[in-house]
Amino acid sequence: MRRGELRRYVQPSTPDQPRIVVILSNDGINDSGRPWVLGIKIRTTDPGDILAVPITGHGWAYAGDLSRLYRAWMKGVVGELDTSTQQRIDSTLRAALDL
C-alpha cells in the first residue's frame, strides 16, 4: 500500500456499495502493522467546495473527508494519482488543517 494509490474499499455494513479511496498517509504508516491508514473516500458528485480536487475517472477528493480507513476493507488497487493531483490534494489538506 502506497501514498497516492486509489483502492477499492468495501465496508462490511454496505458490501453492495464499494467505494474508491485515495491513500494519503505517509509510507511509514502504510508499511506499518497498523490496522488503518489515512485517506479520503472519493465522492461521486462535486461537493462544490474549494477544498475538493477532481480525480479523473473517479470523482472528487474533498479535504473535509479525511479519515481513518481500515486495511481489511481494502480490496485492490484501481489506479494511482498523478503528481499534479497529489500536490493539489496536499495543498487542500494543508489549507483545511492550517499546516
C-alpha atoms as a PDB file:
ATOM      1  CA  MET A   1       0.000   0.000   0.000  1.00  0.00           C
ATOM      2  CA  ARG A   2       1.453   3.355  -1.059  1.00  0.00           C
ATOM      3  CA  ARG A   3       0.583   7.028  -0.727  1.00  0.00           C
ATOM      4  CA  GLY A   4      -1.372   8.188  -3.771  1.00  0.00           C
ATOM      5  CA  GLU A   5      -2.911   4.816  -4.606  1.00  0.00           C
ATOM      6  CA  LEU A   6      -6.589   4.586  -5.445  1.00  0.00           C
ATOM      7  CA  ARG A   7      -8.116   1.471  -3.935  1.00  0.00           C
ATOM      8  CA  ARG A   8     -11.478  -0.241  -3.824  1.00  0.00           C
ATOM      9  CA  TYR A   9     -12.949  -0.014  -0.307  1.00  0.00           C
ATOM     10  CA  VAL A  10     -15.762  -2.269   0.863  1.00  0.00           C
ATOM     11  CA  GLN A  11     -17.307  -1.592   4.261  1.00  0.00           C
ATOM     12  CA  PRO A  12     -18.982  -4.630   5.876  1.00  0.00           C
ATOM     13  CA  SER A  13     -22.118  -2.580   6.597  1.00  0.00           C
ATOM     14  CA  THR A  14     -22.578  -1.784   2.881  1.00  0.00           C
ATOM     15  CA  PRO A  15     -20.859  -4.559   0.880  1.00  0.00           C
ATOM     16  CA  ASP A  16     -23.034  -3.859  -2.155  1.00  0.00           C
ATOM     17  CA  GLN A  17     -21.710  -0.266  -2.327  1.00  0.00           C
ATOM     18  CA  PRO A  18     -17.932  -0.400  -2.836  1.00  0.00           C
ATOM     19  CA  ARG A  19     -16.189   2.959  -2.791  1.00  0.00           C
ATOM     20  CA  ILE A  20     -12.906   4.221  -4.160  1.00  0.00           C
ATOM     21  CA  VAL A  21     -10.461   5.747  -1.673  1.00  0.00           C
ATOM     22  CA  VAL A  22      -7.154   7.541  -2.047  1.00  0.00           C
ATOM     23  CA  ILE A  23      -4.371   6.657   0.408  1.00  0.00           C
ATOM     24  CA  LEU A  24      -2.813   9.811   1.906  1.00  0.00           C
ATOM     25  CA  SER A  25      -0.826   8.670   4.934  1.00  0.00           C
ATOM     26  CA  ASN A  26       2.932   8.520   4.626  1.00  0.00           C
ATOM     27  CA  ASP A  27       4.527   5.257   3.635  1.00  0.00           C
ATOM     28  CA  GLY A  28       5.905   4.748   7.154  1.00  0.00           C
ATOM     29  CA  ILE A  29       2.324   4.349   8.363  1.00  0.00           C
ATOM     30  CA  ASN A  30       1.334   2.459   5.228  1.00  0.00           C
ATOM     31  CA  ASP A  31       4.154  -0.076   5.750  1.00  0.00           C
ATOM     32  CA  SER A  32       3.469  -0.483   9.471  1.00  0.00           C
ATOM     33  CA  GLY A  33       1.374  -3.107  11.186  1.00  0.00           C
ATOM     34  CA  ARG A  34      -1.346  -0.593  11.998  1.00  0.00           C
ATOM     35  CA  PRO A  35      -4.840  -1.807  11.038  1.00  0.00           C
ATOM     36  CA  TRP A  36      -5.620   1.560   9.428  1.00  0.00           C
ATOM     37  CA  VAL A  37      -4.213   4.206   7.083  1.00  0.00           C
ATOM     38  CA  LEU A  38      -5.302   7.775   6.419  1.00  0.00           C
ATOM     39  CA  GLY A  39      -7.165   8.686   3.276  1.00  0.00           C
ATOM     40  CA  ILE A  40     -10.265  10.088   1.654  1.00  0.00           C
ATOM     41  CA  LYS A  41     -13.288   8.312   0.211  1.00  0.00           C
ATOM     42  CA  ILE A  42     -13.801   9.623  -3.293  1.00  0.00           C
ATOM     43  CA  ARG A  43     -17.131  11.366  -3.796  1.00  0.00           C
ATOM     44  CA  THR A  44     -19.072  10.664  -6.956  1.00  0.00           C
ATOM     45  CA  THR A  45     -20.506  14.202  -7.111  1.00  0.00           C
ATOM     46  CA  ASP A  46     -18.732  17.532  -6.879  1.00  0.00           C
ATOM     47  CA  PRO A  47     -19.202  18.999  -3.373  1.00  0.00           C
ATOM     48  CA  GLY A  48     -18.794  22.473  -4.873  1.00  0.00           C
ATOM     49  CA  ASP A  49     -16.095  23.472  -2.399  1.00  0.00           C
ATOM     50  CA  ILE A  50     -12.648  24.975  -2.894  1.00  0.00           C
ATOM     51  CA  LEU A  51     -11.216  22.053  -0.882  1.00  0.00           C
ATOM     52  CA  ALA A  52     -12.405  19.493  -3.455  1.00  0.00           C
ATOM     53  CA  VAL A  53      -9.994  18.127  -6.065  1.00  0.00           C
ATOM     54  CA  PRO A  54     -11.249  16.258  -9.158  1.00  0.00           C
ATOM     55  CA  ILE A  55      -9.876  12.746  -9.608  1.00  0.00           C
ATOM     56  CA  THR A  56     -10.091  11.923 -13.316  1.00  0.00           C
ATOM     57  CA  GLY A  57     -12.401   9.000 -13.971  1.00  0.00           C
ATOM     58  CA  HIS A  58     -13.409   8.567 -10.328  1.00  0.00           C
ATOM     59  CA  GLY A  59     -14.926  11.710  -8.766  1.00  0.00           C
ATOM     60  CA  TRP A  60     -13.696  14.229  -6.194  1.00  0.00           C
ATOM     61  CA  ALA A  61     -11.406  14.076  -3.173  1.00  0.00           C
ATOM     62  CA  TYR A  62     -12.703  16.509  -0.551  1.00  0.00           C
ATOM     63  CA  ALA A  63     -10.239  17.500   2.207  1.00  0.00           C
ATOM     64  CA  GLY A  64     -13.088  17.626   4.734  1.00  0.00           C
ATOM     65  CA  ASP A  65     -13.494  13.862   4.296  1.00  0.00           C
ATOM     66  CA  LEU A  66     -10.011  12.925   5.568  1.00  0.00           C
ATOM     67  CA  SER A  67     -10.469   9.846   7.728  1.00  0.00           C
ATOM     68  CA  ARG A  68      -9.060   6.598   9.035  1.00  0.00           C
ATOM     69  CA  LEU A  69      -9.503   3.729   6.587  1.00  0.00           C
ATOM     70  CA  TYR A  70      -9.228   0.094   7.613  1.00  0.00           C
ATOM     71  CA  ARG A  71      -6.806  -2.133   5.715  1.00  0.00           C
ATOM     72  CA  ALA A  72      -9.065  -5.159   5.989  1.00  0.00           C
ATOM     73  CA  TRP A  73     -11.682  -3.342   3.924  1.00  0.00           C
ATOM     74  CA  MET A  74      -9.248  -2.605   1.036  1.00  0.00           C
ATOM     75  CA  LYS A  75      -9.940  -4.870  -1.931  1.00  0.00           C
ATOM     76  CA  GLY A  76      -7.361  -3.886  -4.524  1.00  0.00           C
ATOM     77  CA  VAL A  77      -5.610  -1.094  -6.412  1.00  0.00           C
ATOM     78  CA  VAL A  78      -7.657   0.647  -9.129  1.00  0.00           C
ATOM     79  CA  GLY A  79      -5.215   3.405 -10.001  1.00  0.00           C
ATOM     80  CA  GLU A  80      -2.722   5.964  -8.794  1.00  0.00           C
ATOM     81  CA  LEU A  81      -2.770   9.742  -8.539  1.00  0.00           C
ATOM     82  CA  ASP A  82      -0.572  11.708 -10.895  1.00  0.00           C
ATOM     83  CA  THR A  83       1.915  14.121  -9.299  1.00  0.00           C
ATOM     84  CA  SER A  84      -0.133  17.239 -10.044  1.00  0.00           C
ATOM     85  CA  THR A  85      -3.323  15.833  -8.484  1.00  0.00           C
ATOM     86  CA  GLN A  86      -1.395  14.604  -5.419  1.00  0.00           C
ATOM     87  CA  GLN A  87       0.074  18.094  -4.980  1.00  0.00           C
ATOM     88  CA  ARG A  88      -3.384  19.684  -5.242  1.00  0.00           C
ATOM     89  CA  ILE A  89      -4.751  17.332  -2.577  1.00  0.00           C
ATOM     90  CA  ASP A  90      -1.737  18.055  -0.359  1.00  0.00           C
ATOM     91  CA  SER A  91      -2.426  21.790  -0.722  1.00  0.00           C
ATOM     92  CA  THR A  92      -6.097  21.424   0.195  1.00  0.00           C
ATOM     93  CA  LEU A  93      -5.189  19.357   3.264  1.00  0.00           C
ATOM     94  CA  ARG A  94      -2.656  21.969   4.394  1.00  0.00           C
ATOM     95  CA  ALA A  95      -5.302  24.675   3.991  1.00  0.00           C
ATOM     96  CA  ALA A  96      -8.007  22.668   5.759  1.00  0.00           C
ATOM     97  CA  LEU A  97      -5.724  21.743   8.662  1.00  0.00           C
ATOM     98  CA  ASP A  98      -3.850  25.077   8.805  1.00  0.00           C
ATOM     99  CA  LEU A  99      -0.474  23.370   8.385  1.00  0.00           C
END
